[in-house]
Protein backbone atom coordinates (compact mmCIF):
# COMPACT_ATOMS: atom_id res chain seq x y z
CA MET A 1 -54.72 -4.05 3.84
CA ALA A 2 -52.51 -4.91 6.77
CA VAL A 3 -49.18 -6.69 6.28
CA SER A 4 -48.18 -8.95 9.10
CA LYS A 5 -44.77 -8.60 10.74
CA GLU A 6 -43.80 -12.08 9.66
CA THR A 7 -44.21 -11.47 5.92
CA LYS A 8 -42.62 -8.03 6.16
CA SER A 9 -39.52 -9.34 7.92
CA ARG A 10 -39.12 -12.24 5.47
CA LYS A 11 -39.25 -9.87 2.53
CA PHE A 12 -36.30 -7.70 3.59
CA VAL A 13 -33.95 -10.27 5.12
CA ARG A 14 -30.31 -9.67 4.25
CA ALA A 15 -27.20 -11.55 5.15
CA ARG A 16 -25.38 -9.68 7.91
CA TYR A 17 -21.88 -8.49 6.98
CA ILE A 18 -19.34 -9.59 9.55
CA PRO A 19 -15.87 -8.19 8.87
CA LYS A 20 -12.80 -10.33 9.45
CA ARG A 21 -11.08 -9.45 12.71
CA LYS A 22 -7.74 -7.69 12.19
CA PHE A 23 -4.98 -8.38 14.68
CA CYS A 24 -2.19 -6.02 15.58
CA SER A 25 0.96 -7.22 13.86
CA PHE A 26 3.11 -5.58 16.54
CA CYS A 27 1.30 -7.44 19.34
CA ARG A 28 1.54 -10.69 17.39
CA ASP A 29 5.33 -10.26 17.05
CA LYS A 30 5.58 -9.06 20.69
CA THR A 31 7.22 -5.78 19.63
CA GLU A 32 7.98 -3.49 22.55
CA GLY A 33 8.85 -0.33 20.63
CA ILE A 34 8.68 0.93 17.08
CA ASP A 35 11.89 2.46 15.75
CA TYR A 36 11.67 5.37 13.32
CA LYS A 37 14.83 4.14 11.54
CA GLU A 38 13.21 0.86 10.44
CA LEU A 39 11.52 2.14 7.30
CA GLY A 40 10.60 -1.37 6.18
CA LYS A 41 8.22 -1.65 9.13
CA LEU A 42 6.80 1.86 8.72
CA ARG A 43 6.12 1.87 4.96
CA PRO A 44 3.06 -0.44 5.02
CA TYR A 45 1.35 1.97 7.42
CA VAL A 46 1.91 5.05 5.23
CA SER A 47 -0.21 5.52 2.10
CA ASN A 48 1.17 6.53 -1.27
CA ARG A 49 -0.14 10.04 -0.50
CA GLY A 50 2.03 10.17 2.65
CA LYS A 51 -0.80 9.72 5.16
CA ILE A 52 -0.65 7.47 8.22
CA ALA A 53 -3.13 4.60 7.93
CA PRO A 54 -5.95 4.64 10.52
CA ARG A 55 -6.43 1.84 13.05
CA ARG A 56 -9.57 0.52 11.39
CA LYS A 57 -7.62 -0.01 8.16
CA SER A 58 -4.26 -1.18 9.48
CA GLY A 59 -5.56 -3.29 12.36
CA THR A 60 -3.08 -2.02 14.93
CA CYS A 61 -4.08 -1.68 18.56
CA ALA A 62 -4.36 1.77 20.18
CA LYS A 63 -1.04 1.49 22.01
CA HIS A 64 0.94 0.56 18.91
CA GLN A 65 -0.94 3.06 16.71
CA ARG A 66 0.28 5.87 18.96
CA LEU A 67 3.86 4.55 18.83
CA LEU A 68 3.58 4.09 15.06
CA ALA A 69 2.34 7.67 14.54
CA MET A 70 5.18 9.03 16.64
CA ALA A 71 7.76 6.98 14.70
CA VAL A 72 6.35 8.08 11.33
CA LYS A 73 6.42 11.72 12.40
CA ARG A 74 10.04 11.40 13.56
CA ALA A 75 11.01 9.74 10.27
CA ARG A 76 9.28 12.56 8.38
CA HIS A 77 11.11 15.17 10.43
CA LEU A 78 14.44 13.61 9.47
CA ALA A 79 13.32 13.32 5.81
CA LEU A 80 13.34 9.52 5.86
CA LEU A 81 9.66 9.45 4.89
CA PRO A 82 7.78 11.99 2.77
CA HIS A 83 5.31 14.51 4.19
CA ALA A 84 3.40 14.73 0.93
CA PRO A 85 3.32 12.84 -2.38
CA VAL A 86 5.95 13.61 -4.94
CA HIS A 87 4.54 15.60 -7.82
CA VAL A 88 6.78 15.45 -10.83
CA ARG A 89 5.75 17.41 -13.86
CA GLU A 90 7.87 17.03 -16.93
CA THR A 91 8.08 20.05 -19.15
CA GLU A 92 9.28 19.66 -22.68
CA GLY A 93 11.52 22.27 -24.10
CA ALA A 94 12.43 23.76 -20.75
CA GLY A 95 16.02 24.46 -20.50
């Protein structure tokens, strides 16, 4: 029993997923450089675990992603941003 190409292709047709295009916020604002002292601009690109967000997630262009990574690393070096998440464990009765 042979199945024609036409019926086979109709059976497994799916809607193609087309992701929304992300634009670099630094290019949109015409930012020349990224300053490590402006923590308000850096925080959205650092996860709660202290990791730098990748380009595919943040939408930054390659040029600004490199500048962003350098600024985050400088801020970490000066202890303005954390290297790792803060782990606080409360112990009762410790004293």
